[in-house]
Amino acid sequence: SQANTAVYIATLKPGDTILSLDLAHGGHLTAGLRVNISGKLYNIVHYGVDPETYTLNMSKIAELARECKPQLIIAGYSAYPRKIDFAGFAEIAKEVGALLMCDIAHIAGLVAADLHPDPVPVAQFVTTTTHKTLRGPRGGLTMCKAEFAKKIDSAVFPGIQGGPLMHSIAAKAVAFGEALTDEFKRYQKQIVENAAALAENLIAKGYQLVSGGTDNHLMLVDLRANLPDMTGAEAEKRLESANIIVNKNLIPFDQRKPMETSGIRIGTPAVTTRGMKVDDMSKIAAWIDRSLKADSLEDIEAKIKPEVLEFAKQFPIYPDQL
């Protein structure tokens, strides 16, 4: 959030226009949610995904950009399961005279491992968290072209931040070092393979995934297809009772409220870190399915949770637990 806000403070005036993906379609709260500082200070225009494919329609986004003439275009999202055409966004930004900020918070590890298109050559700004797929400490990072470096530095301090957290900076350095290794690239490749396998197993059990699958580390399950009376909030609670952690998530064109939702978001970086492979994804899909269809939370805790815990013990977080 601070990384994104630094770009806004450095480049925009209050009231300037930002073109970004709608939160309900996979965008991030810092890209124009009304109660967020971005939504309070700037004129937000949202693009959405195609109603048939649930993927980004670049020609439609270009049309909208020509109409609203934004000062800044944001590409990069918190719940979009497909690859992003950053070069296409750069062409649109150049045509309308806008700056381009690519938020790769979720996919930074995949970008570093060359498993997703890289926005650094084409965007003026690239922001990311340092956790998620990058697997570092909780924190943020703003990258920019050299001409904007001083403005970004000033926007961070004294613009929006006080003293530096040296322990976090050191941890980020360690994470960046790890990202240069072949082991890290193998980890990222396994994340993508696990996500694809989990998606396939869920589809085989009758679940509908937004856009029909995933190209990256996450997937959105649309519960309306086979569990129309279940909200994402209830699904999240059921799975937590089984010690499976996901989060409720709006799906494109969702009719439910943000605290209810019609979907859940599932990602594979954490289970991959623990050493789980493609063959293990069928087990996880089965537990998800059983938990969502169980008669009660008590049944989940009595029958499914013990199985999940026993399975998790095979993949200790620390090697000395072996």
Protein backbone atom coordinates (compact mmCIF):
# COMPACT_ATOMS: atom_id res chain seq x y z
CA SER A 1 0.00 0.00 0.00
CA GLN A 2 2.80 2.43 0.86
CA ALA A 3 4.69 1.49 -2.29
CA ASN A 4 1.66 2.35 -4.43
CA THR A 5 0.86 5.50 -2.47
CA ALA A 6 4.43 6.72 -2.97
CA VAL A 7 3.85 6.66 -6.73
CA TYR A 8 0.60 8.61 -6.40
CA ILE A 9 2.15 11.25 -4.14
CA ALA A 10 5.17 11.59 -6.44
CA THR A 11 3.29 11.92 -9.72
CA LEU A 12 -0.29 13.08 -9.19
CA LYS A 13 -2.27 16.03 -7.88
CA PRO A 14 -5.51 15.54 -5.94
CA GLY A 15 -8.29 15.12 -8.45
CA ASP A 16 -6.11 13.60 -11.17
CA THR A 17 -7.50 10.55 -12.93
CA ILE A 18 -6.32 6.99 -12.33
CA LEU A 19 -7.47 4.15 -14.59
CA SER A 20 -7.42 0.82 -12.72
CA LEU A 21 -9.12 -2.55 -12.47
CA ASP A 22 -12.32 -2.68 -10.43
CA LEU A 23 -11.81 -4.27 -7.01
CA ALA A 24 -14.70 -6.65 -7.68
CA HIS A 25 -12.91 -7.83 -10.82
CA GLY A 26 -9.59 -8.54 -9.10
CA GLY A 27 -8.15 -5.08 -8.47
CA HIS A 28 -6.48 -3.94 -5.26
CA LEU A 29 -7.91 -1.63 -2.62
CA THR A 30 -5.10 0.89 -3.21
CA ALA A 31 -6.26 1.26 -6.81
CA GLY A 32 -9.32 3.33 -6.01
CA LEU A 33 -11.44 1.85 -3.24
CA ARG A 34 -13.55 4.75 -1.98
CA VAL A 35 -12.49 4.40 1.65
CA ASN A 36 -8.81 4.08 0.69
CA ILE A 37 -6.59 7.16 0.34
CA SER A 38 -6.45 6.51 -3.42
CA GLY A 39 -10.23 6.73 -3.69
CA LYS A 40 -10.41 9.82 -1.50
CA LEU A 41 -7.76 11.88 -3.26
CA TYR A 42 -8.07 10.94 -6.92
CA ASN A 43 -10.67 10.58 -9.64
CA ILE A 44 -10.89 6.84 -10.18
CA VAL A 45 -12.10 5.26 -13.41
CA HIS A 46 -12.32 1.48 -13.39
CA TYR A 47 -12.00 -1.00 -16.22
CA GLY A 48 -13.28 -4.54 -15.79
CA VAL A 49 -12.86 -8.01 -17.21
CA ASP A 50 -14.81 -9.28 -20.20
CA PRO A 51 -18.23 -10.61 -19.11
CA GLU A 52 -17.83 -13.75 -21.22
CA THR A 53 -14.18 -14.72 -20.73
CA TYR A 54 -13.54 -13.02 -17.37
CA THR A 55 -10.19 -11.91 -18.76
CA LEU A 56 -8.84 -8.47 -19.63
CA ASN A 57 -10.02 -7.08 -22.98
CA MET A 58 -7.19 -4.79 -24.06
CA SER A 59 -9.16 -3.10 -26.86
CA LYS A 60 -11.94 -2.15 -24.42
CA ILE A 61 -9.39 -0.84 -21.93
CA ALA A 62 -7.81 1.24 -24.69
CA GLU A 63 -11.20 2.73 -25.58
CA LEU A 64 -11.84 3.67 -21.95
CA ALA A 65 -8.38 5.23 -21.67
CA ARG A 66 -9.07 7.41 -24.70
CA GLU A 67 -12.34 8.56 -23.14
CA CYS A 68 -11.10 9.39 -19.62
CA LYS A 69 -7.50 10.42 -20.47
CA PRO A 70 -5.95 9.33 -17.17
CA GLN A 71 -2.71 10.68 -15.76
CA LEU A 72 -1.86 7.20 -14.46
CA ILE A 73 -2.82 3.67 -15.56
CA ILE A 74 -2.46 0.76 -13.15
CA ALA A 75 -1.84 -2.80 -14.32
CA GLY A 76 -1.33 -5.58 -11.77
CA TYR A 77 -3.88 -7.06 -9.40
CA SER A 78 -4.66 -9.01 -6.25
CA ALA A 79 -7.01 -11.60 -7.72
CA TYR A 80 -6.38 -12.11 -11.43
CA PRO A 81 -5.42 -15.67 -12.41
CA ARG A 82 -4.12 -15.01 -15.92
CA LYS A 83 -0.96 -13.50 -17.39
CA ILE A 84 -0.96 -9.72 -17.82
CA ASP A 85 0.00 -8.01 -21.08
CA PHE A 86 2.20 -5.28 -19.63
CA ALA A 87 3.53 -4.32 -23.07
CA GLY A 88 -0.05 -3.81 -24.24
CA PHE A 89 -0.74 -1.55 -21.27
CA ALA A 90 2.43 0.43 -22.06
CA GLU A 91 1.18 1.06 -25.60
CA ILE A 92 -2.16 2.30 -24.27
CA ALA A 93 -0.43 4.58 -21.73
CA LYS A 94 1.85 6.02 -24.40
CA GLU A 95 -1.09 6.69 -26.73
CA VAL A 96 -3.06 8.67 -24.14
CA GLY A 97 -0.07 10.35 -22.50
CA ALA A 98 -0.38 8.52 -19.18
CA LEU A 99 2.20 7.09 -16.83
CA LEU A 100 2.10 3.33 -16.22
CA MET A 101 2.38 1.71 -12.82
CA CYS A 102 2.51 -2.09 -12.66
CA ASP A 103 1.65 -3.59 -9.29
CA ILE A 104 3.23 -7.06 -9.25
CA ALA A 105 2.70 -7.69 -5.54
CA HIS A 106 1.29 -11.17 -6.12
CA ILE A 107 3.41 -12.28 -9.05
CA ALA A 108 6.84 -10.76 -8.27
CA GLY A 109 8.39 -14.18 -7.65
CA LEU A 110 7.05 -15.48 -10.94
CA VAL A 111 8.39 -12.41 -12.75
CA ALA A 112 11.81 -12.85 -11.13
CA ALA A 113 11.88 -16.48 -12.30
CA ASP A 114 10.86 -15.58 -15.87
CA LEU A 115 7.52 -17.37 -15.52
CA HIS A 116 5.44 -14.25 -16.16
CA PRO A 117 5.92 -11.22 -18.47
CA ASP A 118 8.21 -8.59 -16.93
CA PRO A 119 6.87 -5.02 -16.64
CA VAL A 120 10.20 -3.41 -15.69
CA PRO A 121 11.31 -2.62 -19.27
CA VAL A 122 8.01 -0.99 -20.25
CA ALA A 123 6.62 0.77 -17.15
CA GLN A 124 7.69 3.97 -15.43
CA PHE A 125 6.85 2.40 -12.06
CA VAL A 126 6.75 -1.16 -10.74
CA THR A 127 5.58 -1.82 -7.20
CA THR A 128 5.41 -4.99 -5.19
CA THR A 129 5.14 -6.48 -1.78
CA THR A 130 8.20 -8.41 -0.69
CA HIS A 131 6.22 -11.35 0.66
CA LYS A 132 3.68 -13.45 -1.30
CA THR A 133 5.44 -15.27 -4.18
CA LEU A 134 8.66 -13.33 -3.54
CA ARG A 135 8.66 -15.09 -0.14
CA GLY A 136 10.44 -12.39 1.81
CA PRO A 137 9.41 -10.31 4.85
CA ARG A 138 6.20 -8.32 4.93
CA GLY A 139 7.01 -5.04 3.26
CA GLY A 140 6.87 -3.04 0.06
CA LEU A 141 9.12 -1.99 -2.79
CA THR A 142 8.81 0.79 -5.35
CA MET A 143 10.92 0.63 -8.51
CA CYS A 144 11.02 3.38 -11.10
CA LYS A 145 12.86 4.84 -14.04
CA ALA A 146 15.81 7.00 -13.01
CA GLU A 147 14.04 10.25 -13.87
CA PHE A 148 11.48 9.65 -11.11
CA ALA A 149 13.87 8.38 -8.42
CA LYS A 150 14.21 11.63 -6.47
CA LYS A 151 10.45 12.24 -6.46
CA ILE A 152 9.80 8.71 -5.22
CA ASP A 153 12.40 9.05 -2.46
CA SER A 154 10.83 12.31 -1.33
CA ALA A 155 7.33 10.84 -1.48
CA VAL A 156 8.39 8.03 0.85
CA PHE A 157 10.35 10.28 3.24
CA PRO A 158 9.19 12.67 4.44
CA GLY A 159 6.01 12.23 2.38
CA ILE A 160 4.36 9.17 3.90
CA GLN A 161 6.89 7.44 6.13
CA GLY A 162 9.03 8.14 9.17
CA GLY A 163 12.11 6.20 10.22
CA PRO A 164 13.34 3.17 8.28
CA LEU A 165 12.92 -0.36 9.63
CA MET A 166 16.46 -1.65 9.29
CA HIS A 167 15.61 -5.23 10.22
CA SER A 168 13.04 -5.33 7.43
CA ILE A 169 15.48 -3.82 4.95
CA ALA A 170 18.02 -6.52 5.85
CA ALA A 171 15.38 -9.22 5.46
CA LYS A 172 14.44 -7.84 2.04
CA ALA A 173 18.09 -8.03 0.99
CA VAL A 174 18.17 -11.70 1.99
CA ALA A 175 14.96 -12.35 0.01
CA PHE A 176 16.36 -10.62 -3.09
CA GLY A 177 19.51 -12.73 -2.79
CA GLU A 178 17.45 -15.89 -2.63
CA ALA A 179 15.47 -14.77 -5.70
CA LEU A 180 18.70 -14.92 -7.73
CA THR A 181 19.22 -18.64 -7.08
CA ASP A 182 18.30 -21.66 -9.18
CA GLU A 183 16.51 -23.10 -6.14
CA PHE A 184 14.17 -20.11 -6.11
CA LYS A 185 13.38 -20.60 -9.80
CA ARG A 186 12.55 -24.25 -9.13
CA TYR A 187 10.29 -23.14 -6.29
CA GLN A 188 8.41 -20.72 -8.54
CA LYS A 189 8.02 -23.36 -11.25
CA GLN A 190 6.57 -25.74 -8.66
CA ILE A 191 4.12 -23.06 -7.49
CA VAL A 192 2.72 -22.75 -11.01
CA GLU A 193 2.59 -26.52 -11.54
CA ASN A 194 0.83 -27.00 -8.19
CA ALA A 195 -1.69 -24.28 -8.97
CA ALA A 196 -2.50 -25.82 -12.34
CA ALA A 197 -2.93 -29.24 -10.74
CA LEU A 198 -5.13 -27.92 -7.94
CA ALA A 199 -7.27 -26.04 -10.47
CA GLU A 200 -7.67 -29.17 -12.61
CA ASN A 201 -8.70 -31.23 -9.60
CA LEU A 202 -11.27 -28.67 -8.48
CA ILE A 203 -12.71 -28.43 -11.98
CA ALA A 204 -12.94 -32.23 -12.11
CA LYS A 205 -15.06 -32.09 -8.94
CA GLY A 206 -17.48 -29.70 -10.58
CA TYR A 207 -16.18 -26.35 -9.36
CA GLN A 208 -16.21 -23.36 -11.69
CA LEU A 209 -13.05 -21.25 -11.76
CA VAL A 210 -13.07 -17.63 -12.89
CA SER A 211 -11.61 -17.51 -16.45
CA GLY A 212 -11.64 -21.33 -16.48
CA GLY A 213 -8.32 -21.90 -14.73
CA THR A 214 -5.04 -20.20 -13.86
CA ASP A 215 -1.72 -19.16 -15.40
CA ASN A 216 -0.11 -18.17 -12.13
CA HIS A 217 -0.16 -19.03 -8.42
CA LEU A 218 -3.82 -18.39 -7.62
CA MET A 219 -7.34 -19.29 -8.63
CA LEU A 220 -10.79 -17.90 -7.93
CA VAL A 221 -13.54 -20.41 -7.23
CA ASP A 222 -17.04 -19.26 -8.22
CA LEU A 223 -19.27 -21.01 -5.70
CA ARG A 224 -22.47 -20.13 -7.53
CA ALA A 225 -22.05 -22.97 -10.00
CA ASN A 226 -22.50 -25.93 -7.65
CA LEU A 227 -23.03 -24.37 -4.21
CA PRO A 228 -25.31 -21.41 -5.01
CA ASP A 229 -26.53 -20.93 -1.44
CA MET A 230 -23.02 -20.78 0.06
CA THR A 231 -21.21 -17.45 0.43
CA GLY A 232 -17.47 -17.05 0.23
CA ALA A 233 -17.51 -16.06 3.90
CA GLU A 234 -19.09 -19.37 4.88
CA ALA A 235 -16.72 -21.32 2.65
CA GLU A 236 -13.75 -19.55 4.22
CA LYS A 237 -14.99 -20.46 7.70
CA ARG A 238 -15.65 -24.08 6.77
CA LEU A 239 -12.18 -24.51 5.31
CA GLU A 240 -10.55 -22.80 8.28
CA SER A 241 -12.29 -25.38 10.49
CA ALA A 242 -10.41 -28.01 8.50
CA ASN A 243 -7.11 -26.07 8.86
CA ILE A 244 -7.20 -25.07 5.18
CA ILE A 245 -6.66 -21.33 4.88
CA VAL A 246 -8.19 -19.42 1.97
CA ASN A 247 -10.04 -16.11 1.81
CA LYS A 248 -13.48 -15.04 0.68
CA ASN A 249 -13.25 -13.03 -2.51
CA LEU A 250 -15.52 -11.10 -4.80
CA ILE A 251 -15.83 -12.53 -8.28
CA PRO A 252 -16.46 -10.43 -11.39
CA PHE A 253 -20.02 -9.12 -11.54
CA ASP A 254 -20.67 -10.45 -8.02
CA GLN A 255 -24.13 -9.65 -6.67
CA ARG A 256 -23.17 -10.30 -3.05
CA LYS A 257 -21.66 -7.80 -0.62
CA PRO A 258 -17.86 -7.60 -0.15
CA MET A 259 -18.13 -9.15 3.32
CA GLU A 260 -20.12 -12.09 1.91
CA THR A 261 -18.88 -12.68 -1.67
CA SER A 262 -19.67 -15.50 -4.06
CA GLY A 263 -16.14 -16.82 -4.31
CA ILE A 264 -12.94 -17.84 -2.58
CA ARG A 265 -9.33 -17.21 -3.56
CA ILE A 266 -6.83 -20.05 -3.26
CA GLY A 267 -3.06 -19.87 -3.76
CA THR A 268 -0.24 -22.40 -3.77
CA PRO A 269 2.95 -20.55 -2.60
CA ALA A 270 2.63 -21.61 1.06
CA VAL A 271 1.98 -25.30 0.43
CA THR A 272 4.81 -25.28 -2.13
CA THR A 273 7.18 -23.77 0.41
CA ARG A 274 6.38 -26.69 2.70
CA GLY A 275 7.39 -29.13 -0.03
CA MET A 276 4.07 -30.27 -1.46
CA LYS A 277 4.04 -31.36 -5.08
CA VAL A 278 1.53 -31.90 -7.88
CA ASP A 279 0.37 -35.28 -6.59
CA ASP A 280 -0.59 -33.70 -3.27
CA MET A 281 -2.97 -31.24 -4.90
CA SER A 282 -5.60 -33.93 -5.49
CA LYS A 283 -5.72 -34.58 -1.74
CA ILE A 284 -6.12 -30.88 -0.99
CA ALA A 285 -8.89 -30.56 -3.60
CA ALA A 286 -10.68 -33.52 -2.03
CA TRP A 287 -10.53 -31.98 1.45
CA ILE A 288 -11.79 -28.66 0.08
CA ASP A 289 -14.69 -30.42 -1.61
CA ARG A 290 -15.59 -32.47 1.47
CA SER A 291 -15.38 -29.43 3.75
CA LEU A 292 -17.65 -27.33 1.57
CA LYS A 293 -20.21 -30.13 1.33
CA ALA A 294 -20.05 -31.35 4.95
CA ASP A 295 -23.19 -31.26 7.08
CA SER A 296 -21.69 -29.02 9.78
CA LEU A 297 -18.57 -27.39 11.19
CA GLU A 298 -18.56 -30.07 13.88
CA ASP A 299 -18.32 -32.77 11.22
CA ILE A 300 -15.44 -30.94 9.54
CA GLU A 301 -13.52 -30.60 12.79
CA ALA A 302 -14.18 -34.20 13.80
CA LYS A 303 -13.48 -35.95 10.49
CA ILE A 304 -11.56 -33.76 8.06
CA LYS A 305 -9.35 -31.60 10.28
CA PRO A 306 -7.48 -34.60 11.80
CA GLU A 307 -6.68 -35.87 8.29
CA VAL A 308 -5.38 -32.46 7.21
CA LEU A 309 -3.22 -32.11 10.33
CA GLU A 310 -1.74 -35.57 9.88
CA PHE A 311 -0.98 -34.76 6.26
CA ALA A 312 0.62 -31.41 7.19
CA LYS A 313 2.97 -33.15 9.64
CA GLN A 314 4.63 -34.78 6.63
CA PHE A 315 5.70 -31.32 5.47
CA PRO A 316 7.23 -29.56 8.51
CA ILE A 317 7.85 -25.84 8.35
CA TYR A 318 11.31 -26.26 9.90
CA PRO A 319 13.70 -29.08 8.89
CA ASP A 320 14.49 -29.92 12.53
CA GLN A 321 10.86 -31.01 12.94
CA LEU A 322 11.55 -34.04 10.75
